[in-house]
Structure formats: structure tokens, C-alpha cells
């Protein structure tokens, strides 16, 4: 088992995100405020989507993978946002059979260490309001809720129970 850095080298790495969820944070918006309420779906739902590492919009990406038995079982991609001296996690995936074994924590710890080495003042990421396991993981790692976007993915994010939540932590 080892963590290694992956460089772009003209390779395309597609990440497939899969998770089950029985809960979501329901978002109710008011004129100048909002409310988040943990709510259960009528039945558990399956979420599936893909993303790619090294997208053009990620400036100078720093990508780590966790290799086990010769297979990359987890990835984390981040980059510094120089305009506000923050480090953004763009992609973070631990394949299902390898979750809850400390792999995600190890990758996150390495990314936090790297962000600190760049003198970043904070680290931020996004998570969908229905990805309760990821939200709980980030909270356990020390992240806090810092904001939301109710139309990040579509004009119907609230109705779809998939609102973009921003989470972050300050770095010292």
C-alpha cells in the first residue's frame, strides 16, 4: 500500500462515482437566508456519475493515488487558487470496497500537508447535499459547512435533492 503522485502525462483518468444514500440535506431558501434539514428519502437511492482528472479548468493540479496490490483504489486532486490563497479539492474518490479503511483519511492528510506547504490559508471542497457519507467523512476530518449553491448543477437542484454544499477548513 502506498500513496503516489500522478502527473498528467497526456493520460485521461476517468473517475466513476457510485454511492447509495437514504438521506439528504433539504434546503429551504428565504430572502436572505436558508435552512438545512437532514431528511430521509422514501427509499434509498443510488447515485452514479463520472468525472475526469486533469481537467483544463484545474490550474496546476496535484493528484495523488492510493495503490493497493498494484491497483489505484483512491484518488484526490487539488490545486491552489492563487487569487485567494486557498487550496481546492476538485476530485476525491475511494472505490467502494476500500472505504472505511483509512485510505481516504491518508489521502486527505497528504493533501492538507501539501496545501500547508504552499502557505494556503484554507482548504475547500464541494459535496452534494445527498452524499451523507461524504459529508460525515469531511466533518470527521475537521471540515465545516461554509456555503451552498442551489443552481450549481441544474436549475432544479433543490427539487432534485442535490444541492452543492461547500465545506472548508482553515489551515495554520
Protein backbone atom coordinates (compact mmCIF):
# COMPACT_ATOMS: atom_id res chain seq x y z
CA UNK A 1 0.00 0.00 0.00
CA UNK A 2 1.33 3.38 -0.95
CA UNK A 3 0.43 6.93 -1.83
CA UNK A 4 1.96 8.19 -5.04
CA UNK A 5 1.75 11.34 -7.11
CA UNK A 6 0.28 11.07 -10.58
CA UNK A 7 1.34 13.50 -13.28
CA UNK A 8 -0.78 14.42 -16.28
CA UNK A 9 1.50 12.97 -18.98
CA UNK A 10 -1.37 13.26 -21.50
CA UNK A 11 -3.30 10.49 -19.78
CA UNK A 12 -7.03 10.61 -19.25
CA UNK A 13 -8.20 9.14 -15.97
CA UNK A 14 -11.95 8.80 -15.58
CA UNK A 15 -13.34 8.52 -12.08
CA UNK A 16 -16.64 6.72 -11.58
CA UNK A 17 -18.51 7.84 -8.50
CA UNK A 18 -21.09 5.45 -7.06
CA UNK A 19 -22.88 5.68 -3.75
CA UNK A 20 -26.11 4.76 -2.02
CA UNK A 21 -27.88 7.24 0.19
CA UNK A 22 -31.00 7.19 2.29
CA UNK A 23 -30.75 10.82 3.43
CA UNK A 24 -30.22 14.31 2.09
CA UNK A 25 -29.96 17.80 3.48
CA UNK A 26 -33.17 19.52 2.44
CA UNK A 27 -32.51 23.15 1.54
CA UNK A 28 -35.18 25.75 2.19
CA UNK A 29 -34.32 29.25 0.97
CA UNK A 30 -35.67 32.52 2.28
CA UNK A 31 -35.00 36.05 1.01
CA UNK A 32 -31.64 36.39 2.75
CA UNK A 33 -31.27 33.06 4.47
CA UNK A 34 -31.70 29.35 4.25
CA UNK A 35 -32.27 26.26 6.35
CA UNK A 36 -30.66 22.84 6.05
CA UNK A 37 -32.58 19.91 7.49
CA UNK A 38 -31.46 16.29 7.43
CA UNK A 39 -34.30 14.39 5.77
CA UNK A 40 -34.75 10.79 4.64
CA UNK A 41 -35.69 9.72 1.14
CA UNK A 42 -38.75 7.47 0.94
CA UNK A 43 -36.32 4.75 -0.15
CA UNK A 44 -32.56 4.55 -0.55
CA UNK A 45 -31.28 5.91 -3.85
CA UNK A 46 -28.22 5.15 -5.96
CA UNK A 47 -26.09 7.97 -7.38
CA UNK A 48 -23.71 7.44 -10.26
CA UNK A 49 -21.64 9.95 -12.24
CA UNK A 50 -18.25 10.31 -13.84
CA UNK A 51 -15.57 12.98 -13.85
CA UNK A 52 -12.05 13.20 -15.19
CA UNK A 53 -8.78 14.14 -13.57
CA UNK A 54 -6.61 16.90 -15.06
CA UNK A 55 -9.47 18.97 -16.49
CA UNK A 56 -8.37 22.15 -18.28
CA UNK A 57 -10.03 24.38 -15.67
CA UNK A 58 -7.80 22.98 -12.89
CA UNK A 59 -4.64 25.04 -12.84
CA UNK A 60 -1.52 23.04 -11.94
CA UNK A 61 -3.36 20.01 -10.50
CA UNK A 62 -1.77 17.99 -7.72
CA UNK A 63 -3.06 14.41 -7.94
CA UNK A 64 -2.37 11.59 -5.53
CA UNK A 65 -3.47 8.00 -5.78
CA UNK A 66 -3.54 5.24 -3.22
CA UNK A 67 -2.24 1.99 -4.64
CA UNK A 68 -3.05 -1.38 -3.14
CA UNK A 69 -1.94 -4.65 -4.70
CA UNK A 70 -0.88 -2.80 -7.86
CA UNK A 71 -4.29 -1.15 -8.33
CA UNK A 72 -5.17 2.52 -7.81
CA UNK A 73 -8.09 2.32 -5.39
CA UNK A 74 -8.40 6.01 -4.49
CA UNK A 75 -7.60 9.44 -5.91
CA UNK A 76 -7.52 13.02 -4.70
CA UNK A 77 -6.99 16.04 -6.95
CA UNK A 78 -6.47 19.58 -5.78
CA UNK A 79 -4.89 22.86 -6.75
CA UNK A 80 -4.04 26.22 -5.28
CA UNK A 81 -6.33 29.11 -6.08
CA UNK A 82 -3.80 31.91 -6.01
CA UNK A 83 -6.38 34.70 -6.17
CA UNK A 84 -7.46 33.95 -2.58
CA UNK A 85 -4.65 31.66 -1.38
CA UNK A 86 -6.93 28.66 -0.85
CA UNK A 87 -6.48 25.06 -1.90
CA UNK A 88 -9.47 23.45 -3.64
CA UNK A 89 -10.10 19.73 -3.73
CA UNK A 90 -11.58 19.09 -7.17
CA UNK A 91 -11.94 15.31 -7.06
CA UNK A 92 -11.82 12.79 -4.27
CA UNK A 93 -12.75 9.15 -4.71
CA UNK A 94 -12.19 5.97 -2.74
CA UNK A 95 -13.57 2.92 -4.52
CA UNK A 96 -16.39 1.23 -2.61
CA UNK A 97 -14.59 -1.92 -1.38
CA UNK A 98 -11.78 0.21 0.08
CA UNK A 99 -13.86 2.72 2.02
CA UNK A 100 -13.67 2.93 5.81
CA UNK A 101 -10.13 1.55 5.89
CA UNK A 102 -8.28 4.82 6.49
CA UNK A 103 -7.39 5.33 2.82
CA UNK A 104 -9.45 8.49 2.42
CA UNK A 105 -8.02 9.94 5.61
CA UNK A 106 -4.47 9.19 4.44
CA UNK A 107 -5.05 10.94 1.10
CA UNK A 108 -6.79 13.90 2.74
CA UNK A 109 -3.98 14.25 5.29
CA UNK A 110 -1.40 14.33 2.47
CA UNK A 111 -3.40 16.96 0.59
CA UNK A 112 -3.71 19.12 3.69
CA UNK A 113 0.03 18.79 4.28
CA UNK A 114 0.68 19.83 0.67
CA UNK A 115 -1.71 22.81 0.92
CA UNK A 116 0.11 23.96 4.06
CA UNK A 117 3.44 23.69 2.24
CA UNK A 118 2.04 26.15 -0.33
CA UNK A 119 1.11 28.54 2.52
CA UNK A 120 -2.59 28.21 1.72
CA UNK A 121 -4.84 29.79 4.32
CA UNK A 122 -7.72 27.33 3.84
CA UNK A 123 -8.77 24.18 2.02
CA UNK A 124 -12.21 23.91 0.42
CA UNK A 125 -14.29 21.36 -1.47
CA UNK A 126 -17.79 20.74 -2.69
CA UNK A 127 -20.13 17.87 -1.89
CA UNK A 128 -23.70 17.12 -2.91
CA UNK A 129 -26.32 17.57 -0.20
CA UNK A 130 -27.41 13.95 -0.66
CA UNK A 131 -23.94 12.44 -0.23
CA UNK A 132 -24.31 11.96 3.51
CA UNK A 133 -21.41 9.52 3.89
CA UNK A 134 -19.02 12.01 2.26
CA UNK A 135 -20.39 14.89 4.35
CA UNK A 136 -19.89 12.87 7.53
CA UNK A 137 -16.36 11.95 6.45
CA UNK A 138 -15.46 15.60 5.79
CA UNK A 139 -16.91 16.68 9.14
CA UNK A 140 -14.83 13.99 10.86
CA UNK A 141 -11.72 15.34 9.09
CA UNK A 142 -12.37 18.82 10.51
CA UNK A 143 -14.20 20.47 7.63
CA UNK A 144 -17.12 22.79 8.36
CA UNK A 145 -20.06 23.89 6.23
CA UNK A 146 -19.17 27.24 4.62
CA UNK A 147 -21.81 27.80 1.94
CA UNK A 148 -24.05 26.42 -0.78
CA UNK A 149 -25.13 26.91 -4.39
CA UNK A 150 -28.71 25.98 -5.21
CA UNK A 151 -28.27 26.12 -9.01
CA UNK A 152 -24.77 24.68 -9.50
CA UNK A 153 -25.77 21.51 -11.34
CA UNK A 154 -29.17 22.45 -12.78
CA UNK A 155 -31.98 24.93 -12.23
CA UNK A 156 -33.76 22.24 -10.20
CA UNK A 157 -31.07 21.28 -7.66
CA UNK A 158 -33.33 21.84 -4.64
CA UNK A 159 -36.13 19.73 -6.15
CA UNK A 160 -33.62 17.04 -7.14
CA UNK A 161 -32.30 16.98 -3.54
CA UNK A 162 -28.78 17.55 -4.85
CA UNK A 163 -27.55 20.98 -3.81
CA UNK A 164 -23.88 21.89 -3.94
CA UNK A 165 -22.56 22.33 -0.40
CA UNK A 166 -19.20 23.97 0.18
CA UNK A 167 -17.10 22.74 3.05
CA UNK A 168 -13.80 24.11 4.25
CA UNK A 169 -11.20 24.33 6.98
CA UNK A 170 -8.71 26.98 7.86
CA UNK A 171 -5.05 25.96 7.85
CA UNK A 172 -2.50 27.18 10.35
